[in-house]
Amino acid sequence: MLDEITIPPDRLLDVVDSVFVGLAEMGPVHTGAMPSALLGTADQPRAFCDLTKNEVVAAERLLLRCGLLTAPPVQPPRTLQ
C-alpha cells in the first residue's frame, strides 16, 4: 500500500533532487501534472529513469507537505446529459 512507503532519508532526498531536475527538464509543458503520473509515459523525464514509482510518490508527498509542490485541482466528474 502506498501509505506504507518507507524510504531511507538520504535516498528520499536524492529522489526529491531528481524530481526537481525532472520538473526543470519538462519545463512549463507539464505544469500541474504530478511527477508520478509521468512515469512510464513518452513524456517521462530522463531524471526519473532510475526511480521507482513508490520513490517518486514518497518524494511528491514530502514536497506537498513542505509546500514546494502543488497538487493539480481535482476535476468534478462530468455528467452525461
N, C-alpha and C. Protein backbone atom coordinates (compact mmCIF):
# COMPACT_ATOMS: atom_id res chain seq x y z
N MET A 1 0.85 -1.18 0.00
CA MET A 1 0.00 0.00 0.00
C MET A 1 0.90 1.24 0.00
N LEU A 2 0.54 2.24 -0.76
CA LEU A 2 1.36 3.43 -0.90
C LEU A 2 1.51 4.21 0.40
N ASP A 3 0.57 4.09 1.33
CA ASP A 3 0.66 4.82 2.59
C ASP A 3 1.78 4.28 3.47
N GLU A 4 2.28 3.09 3.15
CA GLU A 4 3.29 2.45 3.98
C GLU A 4 4.67 2.50 3.35
N ILE A 5 4.91 3.45 2.47
CA ILE A 5 6.21 3.56 1.81
C ILE A 5 7.25 4.01 2.82
N THR A 6 8.33 3.26 2.91
CA THR A 6 9.43 3.63 3.79
C THR A 6 10.69 3.71 2.94
N ILE A 7 11.27 4.89 2.89
CA ILE A 7 12.49 5.11 2.12
C ILE A 7 13.49 5.78 3.07
N PRO A 8 14.73 5.31 3.06
CA PRO A 8 15.73 5.97 3.91
C PRO A 8 15.82 7.46 3.59
N PRO A 9 16.01 8.30 4.60
CA PRO A 9 16.01 9.75 4.39
C PRO A 9 16.99 10.24 3.32
N ASP A 10 18.19 9.65 3.28
CA ASP A 10 19.15 10.11 2.27
C ASP A 10 18.70 9.76 0.87
N ARG A 11 18.07 8.59 0.70
CA ARG A 11 17.54 8.21 -0.62
C ARG A 11 16.37 9.12 -0.98
N LEU A 12 15.50 9.41 -0.02
CA LEU A 12 14.36 10.28 -0.28
C LEU A 12 14.81 11.65 -0.77
N LEU A 13 15.86 12.19 -0.16
CA LEU A 13 16.37 13.50 -0.61
C LEU A 13 16.99 13.41 -2.01
N ASP A 14 17.61 12.27 -2.33
CA ASP A 14 18.12 12.07 -3.69
C ASP A 14 16.97 12.05 -4.70
N VAL A 15 15.87 11.40 -4.31
CA VAL A 15 14.71 11.33 -5.20
C VAL A 15 14.08 12.71 -5.36
N VAL A 16 14.00 13.48 -4.26
CA VAL A 16 13.47 14.85 -4.34
C VAL A 16 14.32 15.67 -5.32
N ASP A 17 15.64 15.53 -5.24
CA ASP A 17 16.52 16.24 -6.18
C ASP A 17 16.20 15.83 -7.62
N SER A 18 16.02 14.53 -7.84
CA SER A 18 15.71 14.05 -9.18
C SER A 18 14.36 14.56 -9.67
N VAL A 19 13.40 14.67 -8.76
CA VAL A 19 12.09 15.21 -9.13
C VAL A 19 12.24 16.68 -9.57
N PHE A 20 13.02 17.45 -8.84
CA PHE A 20 13.25 18.84 -9.24
C PHE A 20 13.95 18.93 -10.59
N VAL A 21 14.94 18.06 -10.81
CA VAL A 21 15.63 18.05 -12.10
C VAL A 21 14.65 17.67 -13.21
N GLY A 22 13.82 16.68 -12.95
CA GLY A 22 12.83 16.25 -13.93
C GLY A 22 11.81 17.34 -14.25
N LEU A 23 11.36 18.04 -13.22
CA LEU A 23 10.41 19.14 -13.45
C LEU A 23 11.05 20.25 -14.27
N ALA A 24 12.32 20.55 -14.00
CA ALA A 24 13.03 21.57 -14.77
C ALA A 24 13.21 21.10 -16.21
N GLU A 25 13.47 19.82 -16.39
CA GLU A 25 13.65 19.23 -17.72
C GLU A 25 12.37 19.33 -18.54
N MET A 26 11.22 19.14 -17.88
CA MET A 26 9.93 19.19 -18.58
C MET A 26 9.54 20.61 -18.94
N GLY A 27 9.96 21.56 -18.13
CA GLY A 27 9.57 22.94 -18.38
C GLY A 27 8.09 23.15 -18.12
N PRO A 28 7.54 24.23 -18.66
CA PRO A 28 6.14 24.56 -18.39
C PRO A 28 5.12 23.68 -19.12
N VAL A 29 5.60 22.80 -19.98
CA VAL A 29 4.69 21.96 -20.77
C VAL A 29 3.77 21.13 -19.89
N HIS A 30 4.30 20.61 -18.80
CA HIS A 30 3.52 19.73 -17.93
C HIS A 30 3.22 20.37 -16.60
N THR A 31 3.11 21.66 -16.55
CA THR A 31 2.77 22.34 -15.32
C THR A 31 1.44 21.81 -14.81
N GLY A 32 1.42 21.42 -13.56
CA GLY A 32 0.19 20.90 -12.96
C GLY A 32 0.11 19.39 -12.95
N ALA A 33 0.98 18.72 -13.72
CA ALA A 33 0.98 17.26 -13.72
C ALA A 33 1.84 16.77 -12.56
N MET A 34 1.36 15.78 -11.85
CA MET A 34 2.16 15.20 -10.79
C MET A 34 3.27 14.36 -11.42
N PRO A 35 4.47 14.43 -10.88
CA PRO A 35 5.57 13.67 -11.47
C PRO A 35 5.29 12.18 -11.60
N SER A 36 4.63 11.58 -10.62
CA SER A 36 4.36 10.14 -10.69
C SER A 36 3.45 9.79 -11.86
N ALA A 37 2.63 10.73 -12.31
CA ALA A 37 1.74 10.47 -13.43
C ALA A 37 2.51 10.38 -14.75
N LEU A 38 3.74 10.88 -14.76
CA LEU A 38 4.54 10.86 -15.99
C LEU A 38 5.44 9.64 -16.10
N LEU A 39 5.57 8.89 -15.01
CA LEU A 39 6.41 7.69 -15.05
C LEU A 39 5.85 6.69 -16.06
N GLY A 40 6.73 6.18 -16.91
CA GLY A 40 6.32 5.18 -17.88
C GLY A 40 5.67 5.74 -19.13
N THR A 41 5.57 7.05 -19.23
CA THR A 41 4.99 7.66 -20.43
C THR A 41 6.10 8.14 -21.35
N ALA A 42 5.74 8.51 -22.56
CA ALA A 42 6.72 9.04 -23.51
C ALA A 42 7.28 10.38 -23.03
N ASP A 43 6.56 11.06 -22.15
CA ASP A 43 6.99 12.36 -21.64
C ASP A 43 7.83 12.27 -20.37
N GLN A 44 8.12 11.06 -19.92
CA GLN A 44 8.89 10.90 -18.68
C GLN A 44 10.27 11.54 -18.84
N PRO A 45 10.66 12.41 -17.91
CA PRO A 45 11.99 12.99 -17.99
C PRO A 45 13.07 11.96 -17.70
N ARG A 46 14.25 12.18 -18.25
CA ARG A 46 15.38 11.26 -18.04
C ARG A 46 15.73 11.14 -16.56
N ALA A 47 15.52 12.19 -15.80
CA ALA A 47 15.87 12.18 -14.37
C ALA A 47 15.07 11.14 -13.59
N PHE A 48 13.96 10.65 -14.16
CA PHE A 48 13.12 9.68 -13.46
C PHE A 48 13.48 8.24 -13.80
N CYS A 49 14.42 8.02 -14.71
CA CYS A 49 14.70 6.67 -15.21
C CYS A 49 15.15 5.69 -14.14
N ASP A 50 15.87 6.16 -13.14
CA ASP A 50 16.38 5.26 -12.10
C ASP A 50 15.52 5.25 -10.84
N LEU A 51 14.31 5.79 -10.93
CA LEU A 51 13.44 5.88 -9.76
C LEU A 51 12.27 4.91 -9.89
N THR A 52 11.80 4.44 -8.74
CA THR A 52 10.59 3.62 -8.73
C THR A 52 9.38 4.54 -8.51
N LYS A 53 8.23 4.03 -8.84
CA LYS A 53 7.01 4.81 -8.63
C LYS A 53 6.84 5.12 -7.14
N ASN A 54 7.12 4.15 -6.28
CA ASN A 54 6.98 4.38 -4.84
C ASN A 54 7.90 5.50 -4.36
N GLU A 55 9.12 5.55 -4.90
CA GLU A 55 10.04 6.61 -4.51
C GLU A 55 9.52 7.98 -4.95
N VAL A 56 9.01 8.05 -6.17
CA VAL A 56 8.51 9.34 -6.68
C VAL A 56 7.28 9.78 -5.89
N VAL A 57 6.40 8.84 -5.57
CA VAL A 57 5.21 9.18 -4.78
C VAL A 57 5.63 9.68 -3.39
N ALA A 58 6.60 9.03 -2.77
CA ALA A 58 7.07 9.48 -1.45
C ALA A 58 7.67 10.88 -1.54
N ALA A 59 8.43 11.15 -2.60
CA ALA A 59 9.00 12.49 -2.78
C ALA A 59 7.90 13.52 -3.01
N GLU A 60 6.88 13.17 -3.81
CA GLU A 60 5.74 14.07 -4.03
C GLU A 60 5.08 14.42 -2.72
N ARG A 61 4.84 13.41 -1.89
CA ARG A 61 4.18 13.65 -0.60
C ARG A 61 4.99 14.59 0.29
N LEU A 62 6.31 14.39 0.30
CA LEU A 62 7.17 15.28 1.08
C LEU A 62 7.10 16.70 0.54
N LEU A 63 7.20 16.84 -0.77
CA LEU A 63 7.16 18.17 -1.39
C LEU A 63 5.80 18.84 -1.19
N LEU A 64 4.73 18.07 -1.23
CA LEU A 64 3.39 18.64 -0.96
C LEU A 64 3.29 19.12 0.48
N ARG A 65 3.78 18.31 1.43
CA ARG A 65 3.72 18.70 2.85
C ARG A 65 4.55 19.94 3.12
N CYS A 66 5.65 20.09 2.40
CA CYS A 66 6.53 21.26 2.58
C CYS A 66 6.05 22.48 1.80
N GLY A 67 5.03 22.31 0.98
CA GLY A 67 4.52 23.42 0.18
C GLY A 67 5.37 23.74 -1.04
N LEU A 68 6.24 22.81 -1.43
CA LEU A 68 7.11 23.02 -2.59
C LEU A 68 6.55 22.45 -3.88
N LEU A 69 5.43 21.75 -3.78
CA LEU A 69 4.73 21.19 -4.94
C LEU A 69 3.25 21.38 -4.70
N THR A 70 2.55 21.76 -5.73
CA THR A 70 1.11 21.98 -5.61
C THR A 70 0.38 20.91 -6.40
N ALA A 71 -0.56 20.26 -5.75
CA ALA A 71 -1.35 19.23 -6.43
C ALA A 71 -2.29 19.88 -7.43
N PRO A 72 -2.48 19.24 -8.58
CA PRO A 72 -3.42 19.80 -9.54
C PRO A 72 -4.83 19.77 -8.96
N PRO A 73 -5.68 20.71 -9.37
CA PRO A 73 -7.05 20.72 -8.86
C PRO A 73 -7.80 19.47 -9.32
N VAL A 74 -8.65 18.99 -8.46
CA VAL A 74 -9.46 17.82 -8.79
C VAL A 74 -10.64 18.27 -9.64
N GLN A 75 -10.78 17.65 -10.78
CA GLN A 75 -11.88 17.98 -11.68
C GLN A 75 -13.13 17.21 -11.25
N PRO A 76 -14.28 17.88 -11.16
CA PRO A 76 -15.51 17.15 -10.83
C PRO A 76 -15.85 16.21 -11.98
N PRO A 77 -16.48 15.08 -11.67
CA PRO A 77 -16.85 14.14 -12.73
C PRO A 77 -17.85 14.78 -13.69
N ARG A 78 -17.68 14.48 -14.95
CA ARG A 78 -18.59 15.01 -15.96
C ARG A 78 -19.84 14.15 -16.00
N THR A 79 -20.97 14.80 -16.15
CA THR A 79 -22.22 14.06 -16.25
C THR A 79 -22.72 14.12 -17.68
N LEU A 80 -23.34 13.05 -18.09
CA LEU A 80 -23.91 12.99 -19.43
C LEU A 80 -25.30 13.59 -19.41
N GLN A 81 -25.58 14.36 -20.41
CA GLN A 81 -26.91 14.97 -20.46
C GLN A 81 -27.66 14.52 -21.67
